[in-house]
Amino acid sequence: METAVANEDLTDVSSHFAFGKNWNSFAKAITESEITEAAAGLSRLLRRNELEGASFFDIGCGSGLSMLAAKRLGAAKVRGIDIDPDSVRTAETLLTRHLPSENWMAGQKSVLDLSPECDGYHDIVYSWGALHHTGDMWRAIEKATALVKPGGLLALAIYRKTPLCGFWRWEKRLYTKSPPALCAAIRLAYKALYIGGLAATGRNPRAYIRAYRSNRGMDWHHDVHDWLGGYPYESASPSEITAFLDRLGFSTVRSFEKRARLWGIFGTHCDEFAAKRR
C-alpha cells in the first residue's frame, strides 16, 4: 500500500491542488441537465430505497452537486465537508440556489479531523474521488468508515492503480506548483494527445466531449484540469480496497470496476464501491 506524503501538513489546504477554484468555475455552468445526470450516477451506486429518508454525509463535497443529487433522491438530511474553502462556498451557493429551505449544511474540515464524537454517525457516508487526494488515503478511508452507523453504507470512488501512477504523481505535483502559463501549456498538450488518441481508435472527439456530461454531470474540460492537478495523489487496486474495508467490518455490496486503458498512459479512472457496515 502507498504511504502518506512525507513532511507535509495534510490538513493544510495550501499543500493541495486548488480544487475549489475549478469547482467554482464548473458550478457556474450547472443546469438541470447536470443535476439529473448527477442523480443518475448517484443512484447507480446507491439505490433510491437506501437514500430515501437517510442522513447523507459527503466528504470532499466539491461543488455540492452530489449533495444536491442526494436530496433530489430523497435523503432527509445532507451534510458536506471539504478542506478547500472555495469548494465550501461553491457548494453553499449551489445548494442555496436549488434548496433554499431544505435540511443541508456545508463546512470546511479535513477528513483527517473527523470523529464520531464531533461529527456523529450517518446512514450513508459518501466520498467520490476525494480520499485519494488527502495524502494519507488509507487513514482517510478509516476516518470515513468510523462515521457510518451499524448497518449503514459507505460509498467510495478511488483511483485505479496503474503502472504509470508514479509518473502521474510527479506530474500532479509539478502542475500544482507551476504558474498558470505552464499549467495551460500542459493542459493543451494533454488535450491534443487525448483527442488524437480518440481519433486514432475511431471515436469522434467532438461527440465524446459533448457526451461527457453523462459522466455524473461533469464537464470534460474541467475534469482535465482536475485530473492534471489532483495532488496529493494515491491509488489502489479493487482487491486492496475491498480487503481493507473487510478488515474494518464492511462487506462490499456492489462495485463498479474496469481496467485502465493503455496502462494508464492518459491517466486512470475511479473504481466505485458501496459497502455495508456489519
Protein backbone atom coordinates (compact mmCIF):
# COMPACT_ATOMS: atom_id res chain seq x y z
CA MET A 1 0.00 0.00 0.00
CA GLU A 2 1.15 3.54 -0.74
CA THR A 3 2.16 5.74 2.16
CA ALA A 4 1.33 9.27 3.18
CA VAL A 5 3.08 12.30 1.73
CA ALA A 6 6.12 12.94 3.91
CA ASN A 7 6.90 16.23 5.66
CA GLU A 8 3.67 17.98 4.66
CA ASP A 9 0.74 19.11 6.79
CA LEU A 10 -2.04 17.08 5.20
CA THR A 11 -4.76 19.27 6.73
CA ASP A 12 -3.20 22.44 5.24
CA VAL A 13 -5.08 23.34 2.05
CA SER A 14 -2.03 25.18 0.69
CA SER A 15 -0.28 21.83 0.13
CA HIS A 16 -3.15 20.63 -2.10
CA PHE A 17 -4.31 21.38 -5.61
CA ALA A 18 -6.90 24.20 -5.69
CA PHE A 19 -9.90 22.03 -6.49
CA GLY A 20 -12.26 24.72 -5.17
CA LYS A 21 -11.41 27.22 -7.91
CA ASN A 22 -12.07 24.56 -10.54
CA TRP A 23 -15.38 23.60 -8.88
CA ASN A 24 -16.41 27.25 -8.72
CA SER A 25 -15.85 27.62 -12.45
CA PHE A 26 -17.72 24.38 -13.19
CA ALA A 27 -20.67 25.23 -10.91
CA LYS A 28 -21.46 28.39 -12.87
CA ALA A 29 -22.49 26.18 -15.81
CA ILE A 30 -24.58 23.68 -13.81
CA THR A 31 -28.09 23.35 -15.19
CA GLU A 32 -30.96 20.97 -14.57
CA SER A 33 -29.34 18.61 -17.08
CA GLU A 34 -26.17 18.26 -14.98
CA ILE A 35 -28.23 17.76 -11.82
CA THR A 36 -30.24 15.00 -13.50
CA GLU A 37 -27.07 13.24 -14.67
CA ALA A 38 -25.51 13.53 -11.20
CA ALA A 39 -28.63 11.97 -9.65
CA ALA A 40 -28.46 9.13 -12.17
CA GLY A 41 -24.81 8.50 -11.32
CA LEU A 42 -25.53 8.53 -7.59
CA SER A 43 -28.50 6.17 -7.92
CA ARG A 44 -26.26 3.72 -9.78
CA LEU A 45 -24.01 3.35 -6.74
CA LEU A 46 -26.68 3.87 -4.06
CA ARG A 47 -30.23 2.65 -4.52
CA ARG A 48 -33.14 5.03 -4.09
CA ASN A 49 -34.55 2.99 -1.20
CA GLU A 50 -31.18 3.36 0.57
CA LEU A 51 -31.22 7.14 0.10
CA GLU A 52 -34.84 7.84 0.98
CA GLY A 53 -35.04 9.29 4.48
CA ALA A 54 -31.30 8.81 5.07
CA SER A 55 -28.71 11.07 6.62
CA PHE A 56 -26.07 11.64 3.91
CA PHE A 57 -22.55 12.83 4.76
CA ASP A 58 -20.41 13.91 1.76
CA ILE A 59 -16.65 14.00 2.38
CA GLY A 60 -14.94 16.21 -0.19
CA CYS A 61 -18.20 17.82 -1.31
CA GLY A 62 -16.61 19.88 -4.10
CA SER A 63 -19.32 21.80 -5.98
CA GLY A 64 -22.10 20.37 -3.80
CA LEU A 65 -23.62 18.61 -6.82
CA SER A 66 -23.68 15.18 -5.13
CA MET A 67 -25.34 16.67 -2.06
CA LEU A 68 -27.98 18.22 -4.28
CA ALA A 69 -28.46 14.90 -6.09
CA ALA A 70 -28.85 13.07 -2.76
CA LYS A 71 -31.61 15.47 -1.71
CA ARG A 72 -33.32 15.02 -5.07
CA LEU A 73 -33.25 11.24 -4.48
CA GLY A 74 -34.90 11.52 -1.08
CA ALA A 75 -32.15 11.95 1.53
CA ALA A 76 -33.63 13.60 4.61
CA LYS A 77 -30.53 15.32 5.93
CA VAL A 78 -27.42 16.21 3.92
CA ARG A 79 -24.10 17.45 5.23
CA GLY A 80 -20.89 18.05 3.30
CA ILE A 81 -17.34 18.96 4.23
CA ASP A 82 -14.31 19.97 2.19
CA ILE A 83 -10.79 21.09 3.06
CA ASP A 84 -10.97 23.81 0.40
CA PRO A 85 -12.89 26.98 1.40
CA ASP A 86 -13.67 27.74 -2.26
CA SER A 87 -15.37 24.36 -2.55
CA VAL A 88 -17.44 25.03 0.55
CA ARG A 89 -18.54 28.43 -0.75
CA THR A 90 -19.39 26.90 -4.13
CA ALA A 91 -21.45 24.14 -2.51
CA GLU A 92 -23.28 26.66 -0.33
CA THR A 93 -24.10 28.82 -3.37
CA LEU A 94 -25.38 25.87 -5.41
CA LEU A 95 -27.48 24.42 -2.60
CA THR A 96 -28.90 27.80 -1.60
CA ARG A 97 -29.98 28.34 -5.20
CA HIS A 98 -31.69 24.97 -5.58
CA LEU A 99 -32.61 24.02 -1.99
CA PRO A 100 -33.17 27.30 -0.14
CA SER A 101 -35.27 25.83 2.66
CA GLU A 102 -34.04 22.24 2.80
CA ASN A 103 -32.09 20.46 5.55
CA TRP A 104 -28.44 20.72 4.48
CA MET A 105 -25.14 22.05 5.77
CA ALA A 106 -21.64 22.53 4.31
CA GLY A 107 -18.45 23.35 6.18
CA GLN A 108 -14.68 23.45 5.93
CA LYS A 109 -12.93 20.50 7.54
CA SER A 110 -10.35 17.84 6.73
CA VAL A 111 -11.43 14.21 6.69
CA LEU A 112 -8.38 13.55 8.86
CA ASP A 113 -10.01 15.65 11.62
CA LEU A 114 -13.34 13.79 11.59
CA SER A 115 -14.56 11.78 14.56
CA PRO A 116 -17.91 10.25 15.58
CA GLU A 117 -17.79 12.25 18.81
CA CYS A 118 -17.77 15.56 16.91
CA ASP A 119 -19.41 14.63 13.60
CA GLY A 120 -21.87 11.91 14.57
CA TYR A 121 -22.94 8.75 12.79
CA HIS A 122 -24.72 8.67 9.44
CA ASP A 123 -26.79 6.27 7.36
CA ILE A 124 -24.61 6.96 4.32
CA VAL A 125 -21.05 8.29 4.22
CA TYR A 126 -20.12 9.21 0.67
CA SER A 127 -16.80 10.25 -0.84
CA TRP A 128 -16.45 10.22 -4.62
CA GLY A 129 -12.90 10.78 -5.86
CA ALA A 130 -11.69 12.67 -2.80
CA LEU A 131 -9.88 10.43 -0.31
CA HIS A 132 -7.03 9.63 -2.72
CA HIS A 133 -6.23 13.38 -2.69
CA THR A 134 -5.67 13.65 1.07
CA GLY A 135 -2.04 12.50 1.11
CA ASP A 136 -2.98 9.71 3.55
CA MET A 137 -5.66 7.73 1.74
CA TRP A 138 -5.85 4.67 3.99
CA ARG A 139 -6.18 6.74 7.16
CA ALA A 140 -8.77 8.91 5.38
CA ILE A 141 -10.82 5.83 4.46
CA GLU A 142 -10.61 4.62 8.05
CA LYS A 143 -11.79 8.02 9.28
CA ALA A 144 -14.73 7.89 6.87
CA THR A 145 -15.78 4.40 7.94
CA ALA A 146 -15.88 5.47 11.58
CA LEU A 147 -18.86 7.75 10.86
CA VAL A 148 -21.08 5.02 9.37
CA LYS A 149 -23.91 3.72 11.54
CA PRO A 150 -24.11 -0.05 12.13
CA GLY A 151 -25.96 -1.35 9.10
CA GLY A 152 -25.21 1.88 7.23
CA LEU A 153 -23.39 2.31 3.94
CA LEU A 154 -20.03 3.68 2.86
CA ALA A 155 -19.83 4.80 -0.80
CA LEU A 156 -16.36 5.36 -2.21
CA ALA A 157 -14.71 6.08 -5.54
CA ILE A 158 -10.93 5.59 -5.60
CA TYR A 159 -8.40 5.87 -8.42
CA ARG A 160 -7.45 2.54 -10.01
CA LYS A 161 -3.75 1.73 -9.60
CA THR A 162 -1.78 1.55 -12.88
CA PRO A 163 1.91 1.06 -13.81
CA LEU A 164 2.15 4.81 -14.52
CA CYS A 165 0.81 6.11 -11.21
CA GLY A 166 4.32 7.15 -10.19
CA PHE A 167 4.60 9.37 -13.26
CA TRP A 168 1.20 10.93 -12.63
CA ARG A 169 2.08 11.66 -9.01
CA TRP A 170 5.16 13.54 -10.24
CA GLU A 171 3.16 15.37 -12.94
CA LYS A 172 0.44 16.44 -10.49
CA ARG A 173 2.95 17.81 -8.02
CA LEU A 174 4.59 19.78 -10.85
CA TYR A 175 1.24 21.07 -12.13
CA THR A 176 0.07 22.14 -8.67
CA LYS A 177 3.24 24.17 -8.07
CA SER A 178 3.51 25.64 -11.59
CA PRO A 179 2.50 29.14 -12.79
CA PRO A 180 -0.76 29.45 -14.78
CA ALA A 181 1.00 29.73 -18.15
CA LEU A 182 2.80 26.41 -17.70
CA CYS A 183 -0.42 24.74 -16.49
CA ALA A 184 -2.20 25.99 -19.60
CA ALA A 185 0.55 24.54 -21.80
CA ILE A 186 0.33 21.16 -20.03
CA ARG A 187 -3.47 21.14 -20.46
CA LEU A 188 -3.18 21.98 -24.14
CA ALA A 189 -0.64 19.20 -24.74
CA TYR A 190 -2.69 16.64 -22.80
CA LYS A 191 -5.91 17.54 -24.61
CA ALA A 192 -4.20 17.33 -28.00
CA LEU A 193 -2.79 13.89 -27.21
CA TYR A 194 -6.09 12.68 -25.79
CA ILE A 195 -8.10 13.87 -28.78
CA GLY A 196 -5.51 12.30 -31.07
CA GLY A 197 -5.91 9.02 -29.19
CA LEU A 198 -9.70 9.13 -29.59
CA ALA A 199 -9.40 9.77 -33.32
CA ALA A 200 -6.80 7.01 -33.72
CA THR A 201 -9.21 4.47 -32.21
CA GLY A 202 -12.06 5.52 -34.49
CA ARG A 203 -14.02 7.60 -31.99
CA ASN A 204 -15.38 11.07 -32.70
CA PRO A 205 -13.66 13.51 -30.29
CA ARG A 206 -16.43 16.12 -30.54
CA ALA A 207 -19.12 13.55 -29.81
CA TYR A 208 -17.06 12.20 -26.89
CA ILE A 209 -16.67 15.65 -25.33
CA ARG A 210 -20.36 16.53 -25.87
CA ALA A 211 -21.46 13.28 -24.24
CA TYR A 212 -19.02 13.57 -21.34
CA ARG A 213 -21.52 15.28 -19.06
CA SER A 214 -23.33 11.95 -18.81
CA ASN A 215 -20.38 11.03 -16.54
CA ARG A 216 -22.03 12.17 -13.26
CA GLY A 217 -22.93 15.52 -14.82
CA MET A 218 -19.27 16.51 -15.18
CA ASP A 219 -17.64 18.57 -17.92
CA TRP A 220 -14.60 17.25 -19.85
CA HIS A 221 -12.55 20.46 -19.78
CA HIS A 222 -12.97 20.93 -16.01
CA ASP A 223 -12.25 17.24 -15.46
CA VAL A 224 -8.97 17.50 -17.41
CA HIS A 225 -7.80 20.34 -15.16
CA ASP A 226 -8.94 18.34 -12.12
CA TRP A 227 -7.03 15.27 -13.31
CA LEU A 228 -3.79 17.04 -14.20
CA GLY A 229 -3.68 18.94 -10.93
CA GLY A 230 -5.11 16.44 -8.43
CA TYR A 231 -2.32 16.44 -5.85
CA PRO A 232 -1.76 14.73 -3.40
CA TYR A 233 -2.40 11.57 -5.41
CA GLU A 234 -2.73 7.92 -4.39
CA SER A 235 -4.38 4.92 -5.99
CA ALA A 236 -5.31 1.33 -5.18
CA SER A 237 -6.45 -1.90 -6.77
CA PRO A 238 -10.05 -3.02 -6.17
CA SER A 239 -8.80 -6.01 -4.16
CA GLU A 240 -6.83 -3.69 -1.85
CA ILE A 241 -9.91 -1.55 -1.24
CA THR A 242 -12.30 -4.42 -0.55
CA ALA A 243 -9.80 -6.22 1.70
CA PHE A 244 -9.17 -3.03 3.69
CA LEU A 245 -12.90 -2.41 4.11
CA ASP A 246 -13.43 -6.00 5.18
CA ARG A 247 -10.85 -5.60 7.95
CA LEU A 248 -12.76 -2.53 9.13
CA GLY A 249 -16.00 -4.51 9.37
CA PHE A 250 -17.57 -3.65 6.00
CA SER A 251 -18.99 -6.01 3.38
CA THR A 252 -18.93 -4.76 -0.20
CA VAL A 253 -22.48 -4.96 -1.56
CA ARG A 254 -21.79 -3.58 -5.03
CA SER A 255 -18.86 -2.30 -7.04
CA PHE A 256 -18.14 -0.95 -10.49
CA GLU A 257 -14.65 -1.73 -11.69
CA LYS A 258 -12.83 -1.57 -15.01
CA ARG A 259 -9.24 -1.74 -16.13
CA ALA A 260 -7.43 1.47 -17.04
CA ARG A 261 -6.69 1.76 -20.74
CA LEU A 262 -3.14 1.61 -22.11
CA TRP A 263 -1.58 1.01 -18.65
CA GLY A 264 -2.69 4.49 -17.55
CA ILE A 265 -0.85 6.48 -20.21
CA PHE A 266 -3.70 9.05 -20.32
CA GLY A 267 -4.45 8.66 -16.64
CA THR A 268 -6.78 6.40 -14.74
CA HIS A 269 -10.39 6.29 -13.57
CA CYS A 270 -12.23 5.73 -10.32
CA ASP A 271 -13.50 2.32 -9.25
CA GLU A 272 -16.69 2.65 -7.19
CA PHE A 273 -17.66 0.72 -4.08
CA ALA A 274 -20.70 0.57 -1.81
CA ALA A 275 -20.04 -1.32 1.43
CA LYS A 276 -22.31 -2.07 4.38
CA ARG A 277 -21.15 -1.85 7.97
CA ARG A 278 -21.66 -5.22 9.65
